[in-house]
Structures are given as structure tokens and as C-alpha cells.
Protein backbone atom coordinates (compact mmCIF):
# COMPACT_ATOMS: atom_id res chain seq x y z
CA MET A 1 -42.60 36.59 -2.73
CA LYS A 2 -40.65 36.09 -6.21
CA LYS A 3 -37.98 37.93 -4.94
CA ALA A 4 -37.48 35.93 -1.66
CA LYS A 5 -37.52 32.77 -4.16
CA GLU A 6 -34.99 34.04 -6.04
CA ASN A 7 -32.74 34.66 -3.07
CA ASN A 8 -33.56 31.03 -1.91
CA ASN A 9 -32.37 29.68 -5.34
CA GLU A 10 -29.19 31.61 -5.41
CA ASN A 11 -28.57 30.55 -1.76
CA TYR A 12 -29.11 26.97 -2.71
CA ASP A 13 -27.19 27.49 -5.77
CA PHE A 14 -24.22 28.62 -3.71
CA VAL A 15 -24.31 26.12 -0.97
CA LEU A 16 -24.34 23.20 -3.43
CA LYS A 17 -21.37 24.81 -5.37
CA GLN A 18 -19.69 25.40 -2.00
CA LYS A 19 -20.12 21.36 -1.28
CA VAL A 20 -18.65 20.73 -4.85
CA VAL A 21 -15.66 23.00 -3.99
CA GLU A 22 -15.09 20.99 -0.67
CA ALA A 23 -15.71 17.59 -2.30
CA LEU A 24 -13.13 18.36 -4.85
CA ILE A 25 -10.37 19.23 -2.41
CA PHE A 26 -11.13 16.92 0.21
CA SER A 27 -11.11 14.11 -2.30
CA SER A 28 -7.47 14.97 -4.20
CA SER A 29 -4.33 13.67 -2.39
CA ASP A 30 -2.83 16.45 -4.29
CA PRO A 31 -3.38 20.05 -4.07
CA VAL A 32 -6.21 21.28 -6.65
CA HIS A 33 -5.05 24.15 -8.41
CA TYR A 34 -7.06 27.24 -8.46
CA ASP A 35 -7.66 27.35 -12.36
CA GLU A 36 -9.33 23.61 -11.57
CA LEU A 37 -11.73 24.92 -9.24
CA LEU A 38 -12.52 27.97 -11.85
CA LYS A 39 -13.53 25.04 -14.47
CA ARG A 40 -16.21 24.19 -12.24
CA ILE A 41 -16.95 27.66 -10.71
CA PRO A 42 -16.46 29.89 -13.59
CA ASP A 43 -17.56 33.00 -11.48
CA LYS A 44 -14.33 34.12 -9.62
CA ASN A 45 -16.23 36.24 -6.99
CA MET A 46 -18.00 33.25 -5.93
CA LEU A 47 -15.33 30.94 -6.04
CA ASN A 48 -13.26 33.18 -3.89
CA GLU A 49 -16.02 33.72 -1.59
CA ILE A 50 -16.45 29.64 -1.26
CA LEU A 51 -12.70 29.37 -0.66
CA GLU A 52 -13.04 32.09 2.21
CA ASN A 53 -15.82 30.43 3.82
CA LEU A 54 -14.11 26.98 3.65
CA GLU A 55 -11.20 28.47 5.09
CA LYS A 56 -13.33 29.79 7.99
CA LYS A 57 -15.34 26.83 8.18
CA TYR A 58 -12.19 24.90 9.03
CA CYS A 59 -9.88 27.23 10.71
CA SER A 60 -10.93 25.85 14.09
CA SER A 61 -11.21 22.06 12.78
CA GLY A 62 -9.28 19.19 12.86
CA VAL A 63 -8.18 19.59 9.28
CA ASN A 64 -7.35 23.27 7.71
CA LEU A 65 -7.87 24.41 4.29
CA TYR A 66 -4.29 25.26 3.17
CA VAL A 67 -3.16 27.56 0.00
CA ILE A 68 0.01 26.08 -1.60
CA ASN A 69 1.28 28.06 -4.67
CA ASP A 70 -2.27 29.10 -6.08
CA ALA A 71 -3.63 25.52 -5.00
CA TYR A 72 -5.96 24.31 -2.03
CA ALA A 73 -5.50 21.35 -0.31
CA PHE A 74 -7.11 19.96 3.20
CA ARG A 75 -4.27 19.20 5.93
CA THR A 76 -4.22 18.06 9.04
CA SER A 77 -4.47 20.94 11.93
CA LEU A 78 -0.92 21.49 13.33
CA ASP A 79 -2.64 21.31 16.78
CA VAL A 80 -3.34 17.49 16.15
CA SER A 81 -0.68 16.26 13.92
CA GLU A 82 1.39 15.25 16.53
CA PHE A 83 -1.54 12.89 18.19
CA LEU A 84 -1.84 11.56 14.58
CA ASN A 85 1.59 9.53 13.82
CA ILE A 86 1.04 6.45 12.36
CA GLU A 87 3.98 3.87 11.89
CA LYS A 88 3.73 2.63 8.81
CA ILE A 89 5.70 -0.44 7.73
CA VAL A 90 7.25 -0.11 4.16
CA PRO A 91 7.58 -3.22 2.27
CA LYS A 92 11.19 -3.68 1.01
CA GLN A 93 11.64 -6.16 -1.97
CA LEU A 94 13.07 -9.50 -1.22
CA SER A 95 16.45 -10.72 -2.99
CA ARG A 96 16.64 -13.18 -5.23
CA ALA A 97 18.01 -15.49 -2.23
CA ALA A 98 15.00 -14.65 -0.22
CA THR A 99 12.61 -15.34 -2.86
CA GLU A 100 13.96 -18.54 -4.03
CA THR A 101 14.38 -19.60 -0.59
CA LEU A 102 10.38 -18.95 0.21
CA ALA A 103 9.64 -20.52 -2.79
CA ILE A 104 11.65 -23.71 -1.92
CA ILE A 105 9.86 -23.34 1.70
CA ALA A 106 6.29 -23.28 0.09
CA TYR A 107 6.82 -26.18 -2.41
CA HIS A 108 8.85 -28.21 -0.11
CA GLN A 109 7.66 -27.83 3.42
CA PRO A 110 8.60 -28.87 6.08
CA ILE A 111 12.09 -28.38 5.06
CA THR A 112 15.36 -27.98 6.87
CA ARG A 113 17.97 -25.44 6.08
CA SER A 114 20.40 -28.06 4.44
CA GLU A 115 17.54 -29.65 2.37
CA ILE A 116 16.89 -25.66 1.41
CA GLU A 117 20.75 -25.24 0.59
CA ASN A 118 20.69 -28.65 -1.41
CA ILE A 119 17.95 -27.23 -3.60
CA ARG A 120 19.47 -23.88 -4.26
CA GLY A 121 22.75 -25.40 -4.90
CA VAL A 122 24.42 -22.45 -2.58
CA SER A 123 24.95 -22.29 1.28
CA LEU A 124 21.97 -20.17 2.70
CA SER A 125 23.16 -16.97 4.86
CA ARG A 126 21.45 -16.49 8.39
CA GLY A 127 19.98 -12.85 7.03
CA THR A 128 17.69 -14.81 4.19
CA LEU A 129 15.50 -16.76 6.70
CA ASP A 130 15.67 -13.45 9.05
CA VAL A 131 13.98 -11.43 6.45
CA LEU A 132 11.39 -14.13 6.11
CA LEU A 133 10.92 -14.65 9.73
CA GLU A 134 10.45 -10.65 10.21
CA LEU A 135 7.54 -10.78 7.35
CA GLU A 136 6.28 -13.63 9.22
CA TRP A 137 5.74 -15.69 6.16
CA ILE A 138 7.55 -18.53 7.50
CA ARG A 139 7.81 -20.30 11.13
CA PRO A 140 9.80 -23.17 12.62
CA GLY A 141 8.27 -26.60 12.19
CA ARG A 142 8.94 -29.60 13.94
CA ARG A 143 12.75 -30.97 14.21
CA LYS A 144 13.28 -33.63 12.08
CA SER A 145 14.16 -37.16 13.38
CA THR A 146 17.64 -37.59 11.45
CA PRO A 147 21.00 -36.76 12.90
CA GLY A 148 21.13 -33.85 14.53
CA ASN A 149 17.09 -33.02 14.71
CA PRO A 150 17.47 -30.09 12.58
CA LEU A 151 14.76 -27.39 12.51
CA THR A 152 12.21 -27.51 9.81
CA TRP A 153 10.53 -24.29 8.05
CA LYS A 154 7.14 -23.90 7.19
CA THR A 155 4.94 -21.14 5.79
CA THR A 156 2.48 -19.11 7.72
CA ASN A 157 -0.92 -17.96 7.28
CA LEU A 158 0.52 -14.37 6.96
CA PHE A 159 2.14 -16.01 3.78
CA LEU A 160 -0.86 -17.53 2.42
CA ASP A 161 -3.03 -14.17 3.27
CA TYR A 162 -0.52 -11.92 1.36
CA PHE A 163 -0.46 -14.01 -1.73
CA ASN A 164 -4.21 -14.36 -1.43
CA LEU A 165 -4.11 -18.27 -1.10
CA LYS A 166 -6.76 -20.17 0.76
CA ASN A 167 -4.15 -22.75 1.59
CA ILE A 168 -1.00 -24.21 0.45
CA GLU A 169 -2.50 -26.46 -2.24
CA ASP A 170 -3.39 -23.07 -3.92
CA LEU A 171 0.34 -22.48 -5.20
CA PRO A 172 0.51 -22.75 -8.75
CA GLY A 173 1.52 -25.73 -9.85
CA VAL A 174 4.42 -26.67 -12.49
CA GLU A 175 1.99 -26.20 -15.52
CA ASP A 176 0.75 -22.80 -14.10
CA LEU A 177 4.35 -21.48 -13.76
CA LYS A 178 5.16 -22.69 -17.55
CA ASN A 179 2.01 -21.01 -18.90
CA SER A 180 3.02 -17.68 -17.05
CA GLY A 181 6.60 -17.71 -18.41
CA LEU A 182 7.95 -18.32 -15.33
CA LEU A 183 9.74 -21.41 -16.14
CA ASP A 184 11.19 -20.23 -19.47
CA LYS A 185 15.00 -20.48 -19.36
CA ASN A 186 15.27 -17.46 -22.13
CA LYS A 187 13.43 -15.05 -19.69
CA VAL A 188 14.86 -13.52 -16.63
CA ILE A 189 12.55 -13.32 -13.40
CA PHE A 190 15.11 -11.37 -11.24
CA ASP A 191 17.19 -8.14 -12.10
CA ASP A 192 19.89 -8.75 -9.90
CA GLN A 193 21.84 -11.66 -10.13
CA SER A 194 23.47 -11.66 -6.78
CA VAL A 195 23.75 -15.10 -4.67
CA ASP A 196 24.12 -15.02 -0.87
């Protein structure tokens, strides 16, 4: 009776340790080195047996246990990887011109292209507005009832969402910008000094 109880405890101990190793490898984005696992499971024989069990357990699954230079990682099975292609938008950093244009639109909307150019002091390239349109941070507004009926520009809900604003009134005011150092003339906000 005592022997059976000891076997149950050993089995429970092994199963628990296997779960620990499985969780460590699963939760790590980088492969986990064998020595790291050995720190948790100091018994090499037991660790090797656990790793063999995990390899068998996942060999016919959607993820497999891979050994990469003495490190272990769960990776998508080659059988299913083609079905898991994810299109991911890689954000690119806005140019100084695009950032300035976006700020001007946000603070002065609805605003025309010529008004943006007057505020910036330089002409606006078509590409600058295209970048902001592509990000869906700006959209065309109403045409102004002035000669030529120029189109105005406004920010979108995506702009508010991206910058964690509930509405356009939540934009920082002049005092907030001064307090954060963004209006200090001695500080450089942008690395690039290029203009359109």
C-alpha cells in the first residue's frame, strides 16, 4: 500500500514538473536553453524524459517542440504554417513634415491646404497628406465657401483612438506643451531637419 502511494506521488511530481517545463517553453518568445530548464528540474534524467514526452505529445499537433542549438521552443507545425499567414501593418515613423501637418490639422481643423502651408511656412508636398490619409488619421472635410471652394482637412476617430483621446478637446493646450518641454526653443523635437 505504501509503495503504491509513493508511486502515485512520484507520478504526480513528474506530471507537475512536466507542466512546469511545458509552461516555461510555451510562455517564452525566445528558445529556452537546456541549462535554464536544468535550473528548474535539476535531475538530468527526469528533464530529458520530460523533453522526450513533450516532443511526442506535440509531434502531431499544430505546434511542435523544436530543439535549436540546445534550446527548446514551441513553433508552428510546418503542416499548418501556410494557413497562419498574418498580414501585419508595420508602422513607419512619420516625417517631420507629416508630423507638423498632422498637428496643424488637429489644432486648426477644418483647415485648407493653403492654410496649412501658411502656418508651416513651406509648401506642402502631396505625399505628406497621402501618408496621413493612408494611416486614416485625416479625412477630407467640407469645401470652404471662399474663391475656388478649397477642400478642408479634419482628423478622424482613428487619430483620436491612436493617441488615446476621447475627443479633439483632449489635445494638450499650450501650457501642457510648455510644461512637457515641447515648446522650449532650446530643445530639438525632431532628429531630421528636412522639409518637404
